[in-house]
C-alpha cells in the first residue's frame, strides 16, 4: 500500500509531471514515426522522431525548455542526421546576438521602471471609457511586447489591469486586453517574438531578400494597429458605456529613466537612418545585429551604469538555446530533404488561387500554434512552405513565409498556447471559457486580416 502510494505520488506529483511528459512524448513520437516510415526514408523518419519528441516535450513541459532545446546536439549527430559541427553552428547564429542585445535593453527597462512612466503617460491621455482603457492597455502591452518578452510584459501590466477594473467583468476584459495586446505586439518588430527571429535567420540562410528593422515595422505595425482596434471593439461590448473611475499615481522621472529613454530614442533613430528606403536612400549599411548588441553593451559602460553584470543572471538562456535549436532543426529538415518530401505531399495546393492558398496557410498556422510551441511550429513550417512556393509560382516566398511567422504569434484561445494567456488565467479573473470564446473570434479576424494584408500589401 505504501509502495503504491509512493508510485502514485511519483506519477502525479511534480516528479510525475516530468515522467508523464516524457512517456507521453516517447509514445507519440514512436507512433507518428512508425506511420511516417511508410513513405519516408529511414534518415527522414529519424528526424521526424526527433522533431515530434522535441515538439511534445516543449508543449507538455516534460523537461525544462532549455534542456529540450539542447537535445538536438546529442540526437542529431548520434542518429546521423547532422554532423556535430553542423548541429552546433545553429547555436551561434548571428540572430541570437541580436536578441541578446535586445534583452540587455529590456533588462534595463525593467530595472529602471521606465515602462511604468510609459503606462502613466498613455493612461493620462486616453478617455477613461471601456473602449479607451481596453485600447490603451492593449496598446501599451503591444508596444512593450515589441521590445520586451510577452511574458515580462504581461507580468508587469496584469496587476495594473486588475487595479483599474471596478468589477469582475471589467477586470476580466482588462486582463484579456493585456494578454492579447502582448501577443499582437510581438509581430511589430523583428525582435518581438521568437518566430520573427527564426524567419530572419531562415531568410539569411537561404539567401532570400532580408527585411530591415524599419522595413519589418513598416509591414507589420499597420496590421497590428488594426488588430488592436478590432480587439478593443470585440472586448468592450457588455461593459458600462460611462466613464470609468481611474486613479493613477504619478512618479518623478529618475536619472536612469531619462538616460535610458535617450538611449532608446538614439537607437530608434539610428535604425531608421540605417534602413534603406528605396528609392530615396540606401541607408548606412551597418549590420543591425551589431547595432543592437552594441547598444546593449553600452548600458554597462562607466558613466552609464544602467546595468551591472550581475543583472544578466536574469538572461533567459533557455530562449537562446531555443533559437539555436530552431536554426539547427531548419538546417536538418533541409539537409535530409524532409522539406521537399512534405512539400510533395501537399502539392495538391499548387493550383490553388494565391489568396486561398494564403488564407488556408494562415488558418493552419494560427490554429496549430494554439496546441504547440510557436517556435517549434514555425521552425518546421518554414522549410516546407518554402518548397511549396516553388510549385505555386503565384505565391511569393517572402510573402508566404512572413504571413506564417506573423500567424504563429496569434494564439488567443487556450491557456497553454502562450505565456500571456496563462498569466491572464492565473490572475483569477479570466476563466478558460472567456479565453476560448473571445480568442476564437479574434483568431478568425486575425486570419482574415493578415491574409488580406499579405495579399494586397506584402
Protein backbone atom coordinates (compact mmCIF):
# COMPACT_ATOMS: atom_id res chain seq x y z
CA UNK A 1 0.00 0.00 0.00
CA UNK A 2 2.80 2.33 0.93
CA UNK A 3 4.66 1.43 -2.24
CA UNK A 4 1.62 2.04 -4.43
CA UNK A 5 1.01 5.42 -2.75
CA UNK A 6 4.62 6.37 -3.43
CA UNK A 7 4.20 5.32 -7.06
CA UNK A 8 1.07 7.41 -7.32
CA UNK A 9 2.90 10.45 -5.95
CA UNK A 10 5.73 9.91 -8.40
CA UNK A 11 3.31 9.70 -11.32
CA UNK A 12 1.00 12.53 -10.25
CA UNK A 13 3.25 14.84 -8.29
CA UNK A 14 5.87 17.28 -9.51
CA UNK A 15 8.27 14.48 -10.33
CA UNK A 16 5.46 12.55 -12.00
CA UNK A 17 4.70 15.51 -14.23
CA UNK A 18 8.14 15.09 -15.73
CA UNK A 19 7.83 11.29 -16.06
CA UNK A 20 4.35 11.58 -17.56
CA UNK A 21 5.54 14.17 -20.06
CA UNK A 22 8.50 12.03 -21.10
CA UNK A 23 6.37 8.91 -21.52
CA UNK A 24 3.78 10.85 -23.49
CA UNK A 25 6.46 12.33 -25.77
CA UNK A 26 8.07 8.95 -26.41
CA UNK A 27 4.76 7.24 -27.18
CA UNK A 28 3.55 9.95 -29.55
CA UNK A 29 6.91 10.21 -31.31
CA UNK A 30 7.16 6.43 -31.87
CA UNK A 31 3.58 6.20 -33.20
CA UNK A 32 3.99 9.09 -35.63
CA UNK A 33 7.42 7.85 -36.72
CA UNK A 34 6.03 4.39 -37.43
CA UNK A 35 3.35 5.96 -39.62
CA UNK A 36 5.82 8.27 -41.39
CA UNK A 37 8.24 5.41 -42.13
CA UNK A 38 5.72 4.13 -44.69
CA UNK A 39 6.58 6.96 -47.07
CA UNK A 40 9.84 8.48 -45.74
CA UNK A 41 13.42 7.28 -45.82
CA UNK A 42 14.99 5.90 -42.60
CA UNK A 43 17.00 9.10 -42.10
CA UNK A 44 13.93 11.29 -42.60
CA UNK A 45 11.95 9.07 -40.22
CA UNK A 46 14.67 9.50 -37.61
CA UNK A 47 14.38 13.26 -37.99
CA UNK A 48 10.58 13.04 -37.67
CA UNK A 49 11.04 11.10 -34.42
CA UNK A 50 13.34 13.83 -33.09
CA UNK A 51 11.01 16.63 -34.18
CA UNK A 52 7.89 15.08 -32.64
CA UNK A 53 9.78 14.28 -29.44
CA UNK A 54 11.04 17.86 -29.16
CA UNK A 55 7.68 19.45 -30.01
CA UNK A 56 5.77 17.34 -27.47
CA UNK A 57 8.35 17.96 -24.74
CA UNK A 58 8.25 21.70 -25.45
CA UNK A 59 4.46 21.59 -25.28
CA UNK A 60 3.87 19.41 -22.21
CA UNK A 61 6.97 20.63 -20.34
CA UNK A 62 8.12 17.09 -19.70
CA UNK A 63 11.62 18.57 -19.46
CA UNK A 64 12.77 22.17 -18.97
CA UNK A 65 12.66 24.12 -22.23
CA UNK A 66 16.40 24.75 -22.14
CA UNK A 67 17.15 21.03 -21.78
CA UNK A 68 14.83 20.12 -24.66
CA UNK A 69 16.45 22.79 -26.81
CA UNK A 70 19.88 21.23 -26.27
CA UNK A 71 18.78 17.70 -27.18
CA UNK A 72 19.47 18.15 -30.93
CA UNK A 73 23.20 18.44 -30.12
CA UNK A 74 23.01 14.89 -28.77
CA UNK A 75 20.36 13.35 -31.02
CA UNK A 76 21.23 14.68 -34.48
CA UNK A 77 24.89 13.51 -34.61
CA UNK A 78 24.02 10.23 -32.85
CA UNK A 79 21.37 9.38 -35.45
CA UNK A 80 23.46 10.58 -38.40
CA UNK A 81 21.10 13.43 -39.21
CA UNK A 82 23.75 16.16 -39.00
CA UNK A 83 27.41 16.22 -38.03
CA UNK A 84 28.22 17.73 -34.65
CA UNK A 85 29.83 20.83 -36.18
CA UNK A 86 26.81 21.49 -38.38
CA UNK A 87 24.48 20.91 -35.43
CA UNK A 88 26.18 23.32 -33.07
CA UNK A 89 26.50 26.01 -35.76
CA UNK A 90 22.85 26.92 -35.25
CA UNK A 91 23.50 27.76 -31.61
CA UNK A 92 25.89 30.55 -32.57
CA UNK A 93 23.71 32.08 -35.27
CA UNK A 94 24.11 35.90 -35.51
CA UNK A 95 20.38 36.37 -34.82
CA UNK A 96 20.99 35.08 -31.28
CA UNK A 97 23.25 38.04 -30.55
CA UNK A 98 20.61 40.39 -31.92
CA UNK A 99 18.24 39.02 -29.32
CA UNK A 100 20.91 39.19 -26.60
CA UNK A 101 21.40 42.91 -27.21
CA UNK A 102 17.65 43.44 -27.16
CA UNK A 103 17.34 41.55 -23.92
CA UNK A 104 20.00 43.70 -22.25
CA UNK A 105 17.86 46.70 -23.18
CA UNK A 106 14.74 45.03 -21.79
CA UNK A 107 16.57 44.28 -18.54
CA UNK A 108 17.38 47.97 -18.23
CA UNK A 109 13.75 48.94 -18.92
CA UNK A 110 12.59 46.56 -16.22
CA UNK A 111 15.26 47.63 -13.73
CA UNK A 112 14.62 51.37 -14.19
CA UNK A 113 10.80 51.00 -14.26
CA UNK A 114 10.70 53.03 -17.47
CA UNK A 115 7.66 51.01 -18.56
CA UNK A 116 5.66 52.50 -15.68
CA UNK A 117 6.27 56.02 -16.95
CA UNK A 118 5.02 54.98 -20.36
CA UNK A 119 1.89 53.43 -18.85
CA UNK A 120 1.19 56.59 -16.82
CA UNK A 121 1.54 58.77 -19.91
CA UNK A 122 -0.74 56.61 -22.06
CA UNK A 123 -3.47 56.34 -19.44
CA UNK A 124 -3.42 60.09 -18.81
CA UNK A 125 -4.21 60.97 -22.42
CA UNK A 126 -6.84 58.36 -23.30
CA UNK A 127 -10.52 58.67 -22.39
CA UNK A 128 -11.49 56.65 -19.31
CA UNK A 129 -14.16 54.70 -21.20
CA UNK A 130 -14.27 50.88 -21.59
CA UNK A 131 -13.14 51.09 -25.22
CA UNK A 132 -10.50 53.73 -24.44
CA UNK A 133 -8.99 51.86 -21.50
CA UNK A 134 -9.03 48.49 -23.27
CA UNK A 135 -7.31 50.04 -26.29
CA UNK A 136 -4.81 51.86 -24.07
CA UNK A 137 -3.92 48.76 -22.05
CA UNK A 138 -3.66 46.63 -25.18
CA UNK A 139 -1.62 49.30 -27.00
CA UNK A 140 0.73 49.72 -24.07
CA UNK A 141 1.11 45.94 -23.80
CA UNK A 142 1.74 45.68 -27.54
CA UNK A 143 4.38 48.41 -27.53
CA UNK A 144 6.26 46.91 -24.60
CA UNK A 145 5.96 43.40 -26.05
CA UNK A 146 7.57 44.61 -29.27
CA UNK A 147 10.82 45.17 -27.34
CA UNK A 148 10.35 43.04 -24.21
CA UNK A 149 9.24 39.41 -23.98
CA UNK A 150 5.47 38.96 -23.95
CA UNK A 151 5.84 37.10 -20.66
CA UNK A 152 7.61 40.02 -18.99
CA UNK A 153 5.11 42.49 -20.41
CA UNK A 154 2.12 40.51 -19.20
CA UNK A 155 3.58 40.04 -15.73
CA UNK A 156 4.33 43.76 -15.45
CA UNK A 157 0.94 45.01 -16.67
CA UNK A 158 -1.51 42.41 -15.37
CA UNK A 159 -1.62 43.95 -11.86
CA UNK A 160 -2.44 47.29 -13.48
CA UNK A 161 -5.40 45.78 -15.36
CA UNK A 162 -6.70 44.24 -12.15
CA UNK A 163 -6.29 47.54 -10.31
CA UNK A 164 -8.13 49.56 -12.96
CA UNK A 165 -11.16 47.28 -13.04
CA UNK A 166 -14.03 48.12 -10.67
CA UNK A 167 -15.86 44.77 -11.03
CA UNK A 168 -15.32 41.22 -12.28
CA UNK A 169 -16.32 41.93 -15.87
CA UNK A 170 -14.02 44.94 -16.17
CA UNK A 171 -11.10 43.08 -14.61
CA UNK A 172 -11.67 40.15 -16.98
CA UNK A 173 -11.73 42.36 -20.08
CA UNK A 174 -8.70 44.39 -18.98
CA UNK A 175 -6.67 41.23 -18.29
CA UNK A 176 -7.63 39.81 -21.69
CA UNK A 177 -6.67 43.10 -23.36
CA UNK A 178 -3.19 42.95 -21.81
CA UNK A 179 -2.67 39.30 -22.77
CA UNK A 180 -3.93 39.76 -26.34
CA UNK A 181 -2.01 43.01 -26.74
CA UNK A 182 1.22 41.26 -25.73
CA UNK A 183 0.71 38.60 -28.41
CA UNK A 184 -0.20 41.15 -31.10
CA UNK A 185 2.71 43.41 -30.20
CA UNK A 186 5.19 40.61 -30.78
CA UNK A 187 4.65 40.84 -34.54
CA UNK A 188 5.57 44.53 -34.71
CA UNK A 189 9.38 44.21 -34.64
CA UNK A 190 11.86 41.51 -35.70
CA UNK A 191 12.86 41.02 -32.06
CA UNK A 192 9.32 40.98 -30.71
CA UNK A 193 8.87 37.19 -30.66
CA UNK A 194 10.98 34.09 -31.50
CA UNK A 195 9.19 33.20 -34.79
CA UNK A 196 10.20 36.60 -36.21
CA UNK A 197 13.86 35.96 -35.46
CA UNK A 198 13.65 32.42 -36.81
CA UNK A 199 12.19 33.81 -40.04
CA UNK A 200 15.01 36.36 -40.30
CA UNK A 201 17.55 33.59 -39.79
CA UNK A 202 15.84 31.38 -42.38
CA UNK A 203 15.84 34.17 -44.96
CA UNK A 204 19.53 34.75 -44.34
CA UNK A 205 20.37 31.03 -44.52
CA UNK A 206 18.62 30.69 -47.87
CA UNK A 207 19.93 33.95 -49.39
CA UNK A 208 16.41 35.38 -49.63
CA UNK A 209 15.75 39.14 -49.53
CA UNK A 210 16.11 40.37 -45.94
CA UNK A 211 13.82 42.85 -44.23
CA UNK A 212 15.50 45.64 -42.30
CA UNK A 213 14.22 46.58 -38.86
CA UNK A 214 12.36 49.59 -40.24
CA UNK A 215 11.00 47.70 -43.24
CA UNK A 216 9.64 44.98 -40.96
CA UNK A 217 7.88 47.58 -38.83
CA UNK A 218 6.51 49.28 -41.95
CA UNK A 219 4.91 45.98 -42.97
CA UNK A 220 3.57 44.89 -39.58
CA UNK A 221 2.74 47.96 -37.46
CA UNK A 222 -0.36 48.95 -39.51
CA UNK A 223 -1.61 45.36 -39.26
CA UNK A 224 -1.01 45.32 -35.50
CA UNK A 225 -2.79 48.66 -35.02
CA UNK A 226 -5.90 47.45 -36.85
CA UNK A 227 -5.77 44.22 -34.84
CA UNK A 228 -5.66 46.20 -31.60
CA UNK A 229 -8.68 48.28 -32.59
CA UNK A 230 -10.66 45.19 -33.62
CA UNK A 231 -9.73 43.51 -30.36
CA UNK A 232 -10.92 46.54 -28.37
CA UNK A 233 -14.19 46.54 -30.33
CA UNK A 234 -14.56 42.83 -29.57
CA UNK A 235 -13.95 43.16 -25.81
CA UNK A 236 -15.71 46.43 -24.99
CA UNK A 237 -19.39 45.36 -25.50
CA UNK A 238 -21.17 44.42 -22.31
CA UNK A 239 -19.28 46.95 -20.21
CA UNK A 240 -20.76 50.20 -18.97
CA UNK A 241 -20.51 52.98 -21.52
CA UNK A 242 -19.96 55.58 -18.82
CA UNK A 243 -16.53 56.89 -17.96
CA UNK A 244 -14.68 54.66 -15.51
CA UNK A 245 -13.03 55.96 -12.39
CA UNK A 246 -9.28 55.67 -12.82
CA UNK A 247 -6.64 56.74 -10.32
CA UNK A 248 -3.02 56.74 -11.40
CA UNK A 249 -0.19 57.77 -9.14
CA UNK A 250 2.32 59.99 -10.89
CA UNK A 251 6.01 59.47 -10.19
CA UNK A 252 9.08 61.62 -10.80
CA UNK A 253 11.39 60.73 -13.65
CA UNK A 254 14.65 59.29 -12.34
CA UNK A 255 18.09 59.84 -13.82
CA UNK A 256 18.21 56.24 -15.09
CA UNK A 257 14.83 56.54 -16.79
CA UNK A 258 15.79 59.73 -18.60
CA UNK A 259 19.14 58.29 -19.70
CA UNK A 260 17.61 55.02 -20.88
CA UNK A 261 14.88 56.85 -22.80
CA UNK A 262 17.52 58.91 -24.61
CA UNK A 263 19.45 55.73 -25.47
CA UNK A 264 16.32 54.06 -26.83
CA UNK A 265 15.45 57.14 -28.90
CA UNK A 266 19.01 57.23 -30.27
CA UNK A 267 18.76 53.52 -31.12
CA UNK A 268 15.46 54.05 -32.91
CA UNK A 269 16.86 56.95 -34.93
CA UNK A 270 19.98 55.00 -35.87
CA UNK A 271 17.91 52.01 -37.01
CA UNK A 272 15.71 54.35 -39.02
CA UNK A 273 18.65 56.10 -40.71
CA UNK A 274 20.43 52.79 -41.28
CA UNK A 275 17.47 51.17 -43.04
CA UNK A 276 17.30 51.55 -46.83
CA UNK A 277 14.11 53.23 -48.05
CA UNK A 278 14.15 52.79 -51.81
CA UNK A 279 14.37 54.82 -53.98
CA UNK A 280 15.11 57.65 -51.55
CA UNK A 281 18.06 56.34 -49.52
CA UNK A 282 20.25 53.27 -49.39
CA UNK A 283 20.82 53.54 -45.63
CA UNK A 284 24.12 53.44 -43.76
CA UNK A 285 24.77 49.78 -44.45
CA UNK A 286 25.53 48.92 -40.81
CA UNK A 287 24.76 45.45 -39.52
CA UNK A 288 21.66 45.65 -37.32
CA UNK A 289 22.84 42.74 -35.17
CA UNK A 290 25.99 44.69 -34.30
CA UNK A 291 23.96 47.86 -33.65
CA UNK A 292 21.59 46.21 -31.20
CA UNK A 293 24.31 44.29 -29.37
CA UNK A 294 26.42 47.46 -29.17
CA UNK A 295 23.59 49.42 -27.59
CA UNK A 296 23.02 46.55 -25.18
CA UNK A 297 26.67 46.58 -24.13
CA UNK A 298 26.58 50.38 -23.87
CA UNK A 299 24.41 50.01 -20.77
CA UNK A 300 27.39 48.60 -18.82
CA UNK A 301 29.83 51.45 -19.58
CA UNK A 302 31.13 53.76 -16.83
CA UNK A 303 29.03 56.90 -16.74
CA UNK A 304 26.00 54.97 -17.97
CA UNK A 305 25.86 52.09 -15.49
CA UNK A 306 22.25 51.21 -16.20
CA UNK A 307 23.17 47.55 -15.81
CA UNK A 308 25.65 45.53 -13.79
CA UNK A 309 26.88 42.16 -14.95
CA UNK A 310 25.00 40.60 -12.04
CA UNK A 311 21.77 41.77 -13.71
CA UNK A 312 22.44 39.43 -16.65
CA UNK A 313 21.71 36.46 -14.41
CA UNK A 314 18.12 37.07 -15.47
CA UNK A 315 19.03 36.45 -19.11
CA UNK A 316 16.73 33.69 -20.44
CA UNK A 317 19.45 31.39 -21.73
CA UNK A 318 16.81 28.75 -22.41
CA UNK A 319 15.37 31.12 -25.05
CA UNK A 320 18.80 31.49 -26.65
CA UNK A 321 19.08 27.69 -26.74
CA UNK A 322 15.56 27.58 -28.18
CA UNK A 323 16.66 29.83 -31.04
CA UNK A 324 19.70 27.63 -31.61
CA UNK A 325 17.53 24.53 -31.74
CA UNK A 326 15.21 26.24 -34.19
CA UNK A 327 18.01 27.11 -36.62
CA UNK A 328 19.50 23.62 -36.30
CA UNK A 329 16.16 21.92 -36.94
CA UNK A 330 15.62 24.07 -40.02
CA UNK A 331 19.03 23.03 -41.33
CA UNK A 332 18.29 19.35 -40.62
CA UNK A 333 14.91 19.48 -42.36
CA UNK A 334 16.59 20.87 -45.47
CA UNK A 335 19.69 18.66 -45.35
CA UNK A 336 17.68 15.43 -45.13
CA UNK A 337 15.26 16.54 -47.83
CA UNK A 338 12.32 16.26 -45.45
CA UNK A 339 11.06 19.67 -46.56
CA UNK A 340 10.83 18.55 -50.20
CA UNK A 341 9.13 15.31 -49.22
CA UNK A 342 6.49 17.05 -47.11
CA UNK A 343 6.03 19.70 -49.77
CA UNK A 344 5.29 17.00 -52.33
CA UNK A 345 2.63 15.53 -50.02
CA UNK A 346 0.72 18.82 -50.05
CA UNK A 347 1.43 19.56 -53.69
CA UNK A 348 -2.32 19.46 -54.38
CA UNK A 349 -2.35 23.10 -53.26
CA UNK A 350 -0.14 24.13 -56.15
CA UNK A 351 -3.13 25.00 -58.33
CA UNK A 352 -4.99 26.97 -55.69
CA UNK A 353 -5.53 30.72 -56.21
CA UNK A 354 -2.93 32.77 -54.35
CA UNK A 355 -5.35 34.32 -51.84
CA UNK A 356 -6.98 30.97 -50.99
CA UNK A 357 -3.52 29.48 -50.50
CA UNK A 358 -2.52 32.32 -48.17
CA UNK A 359 -5.81 32.09 -46.25
CA UNK A 360 -5.55 28.33 -45.74
CA UNK A 361 -1.92 28.64 -44.64
CA UNK A 362 -2.81 31.41 -42.17
CA UNK A 363 -5.63 29.28 -40.71
CA UNK A 364 -3.40 26.20 -40.45
CA UNK A 365 -0.58 28.05 -38.69
CA UNK A 366 -2.89 30.05 -36.40
CA UNK A 367 -4.84 27.08 -35.05
CA UNK A 368 -1.79 24.80 -34.95
CA UNK A 369 0.10 27.29 -32.79
CA UNK A 370 -2.67 27.01 -30.17
CA UNK A 371 -1.57 23.45 -29.45
CA UNK A 372 2.18 23.55 -29.84
CA UNK A 373 5.20 25.78 -29.44
CA UNK A 374 5.14 28.61 -31.99
CA UNK A 375 8.92 28.32 -32.19
CA UNK A 376 8.82 24.61 -32.96
CA UNK A 377 5.93 25.06 -35.39
CA UNK A 378 7.49 27.84 -37.43
CA UNK A 379 10.84 26.09 -37.45
CA UNK A 380 9.33 23.06 -39.17
CA UNK A 381 6.83 25.02 -41.31
CA UNK A 382 9.23 27.49 -42.96
CA UNK A 383 11.32 24.98 -44.95
CA UNK A 384 8.19 23.08 -46.02
CA UNK A 385 6.31 26.19 -47.15
CA UNK A 386 9.41 27.44 -48.95
CA UNK A 387 9.41 24.26 -51.03
CA UNK A 388 5.66 24.53 -51.70
CA UNK A 389 6.20 28.03 -53.11
CA UNK A 390 8.34 26.56 -55.85
CA UNK A 391 5.33 24.60 -57.13
CA UNK A 392 2.96 27.55 -56.79
CA UNK A 393 4.56 30.49 -58.65
CA UNK A 394 1.52 32.66 -57.93
CA UNK A 395 2.66 32.98 -54.30
CA UNK A 396 5.77 34.95 -53.39
CA UNK A 397 8.03 33.06 -50.97
CA UNK A 398 8.76 36.06 -48.74
CA UNK A 399 5.06 36.91 -48.67
CA UNK A 400 4.06 33.41 -47.53
CA UNK A 401 6.91 32.99 -45.04
CA UNK A 402 6.21 36.32 -43.38
CA UNK A 403 2.49 35.55 -43.16
CA UNK A 404 3.36 32.25 -41.47
CA UNK A 405 5.71 33.85 -38.94
CA UNK A 406 3.13 36.52 -38.05
CA UNK A 407 0.28 34.00 -37.69
CA UNK A 408 2.43 31.87 -35.38
CA UNK A 409 2.04 34.65 -32.80
CA UNK A 410 -1.78 34.54 -32.94
CA UNK A 411 -2.52 32.25 -30.00
CA UNK A 412 -5.59 33.75 -28.34
CA UNK A 413 -7.75 30.73 -27.39
CA UNK A 414 -6.08 28.35 -24.93
CA UNK A 415 -4.18 28.82 -21.63
CA UNK A 416 -1.35 26.57 -22.86
CA UNK A 417 -0.92 28.45 -26.14
CA UNK A 418 1.30 31.26 -24.91
CA UNK A 419 2.51 32.65 -21.54
CA UNK A 420 0.29 35.80 -21.64
CA UNK A 421 -2.81 33.57 -21.78
CA UNK A 422 -1.60 31.51 -18.83
CA UNK A 423 -0.81 34.69 -16.87
CA UNK A 424 -4.30 36.03 -17.58
CA UNK A 425 -5.83 32.77 -16.28
CA UNK A 426 -3.58 32.86 -13.20
CA UNK A 427 -4.96 36.31 -12.32
CA UNK A 428 -8.15 34.58 -11.16
CA UNK A 429 -10.36 36.98 -13.15
CA UNK A 430 -10.19 35.19 -16.52
CA UNK A 431 -11.80 31.79 -17.00
CA UNK A 432 -10.78 29.36 -19.76
CA UNK A 433 -14.22 29.77 -21.34
CA UNK A 434 -13.68 33.56 -21.54
CA UNK A 435 -10.34 32.99 -23.21
CA UNK A 436 -11.75 30.46 -25.68
CA UNK A 437 -14.85 32.49 -26.58
CA UNK A 438 -13.08 35.79 -27.23
CA UNK A 439 -9.94 34.12 -28.58
CA UNK A 440 -11.73 32.08 -31.25
CA UNK A 441 -13.36 35.18 -32.73
CA UNK A 442 -10.06 37.07 -32.58
CA UNK A 443 -8.27 34.17 -34.26
CA UNK A 444 -10.74 34.26 -37.16
CA UNK A 445 -10.40 38.03 -37.52
CA UNK A 446 -6.60 37.75 -37.42
CA UNK A 447 -6.55 35.04 -40.11
CA UNK A 448 -8.69 37.06 -42.50
CA UNK A 449 -7.00 40.40 -41.85
CA UNK A 450 -3.45 39.03 -42.13
CA UNK A 451 -4.27 37.15 -45.33
CA UNK A 452 -5.74 40.30 -46.89
CA UNK A 453 -2.74 42.36 -45.76
CA UNK A 454 -0.28 39.83 -47.16
CA UNK A 455 -2.13 39.53 -50.47
CA UNK A 456 -2.60 43.23 -51.16
CA UNK A 457 0.31 44.95 -49.35
CA UNK A 458 3.17 42.47 -48.77
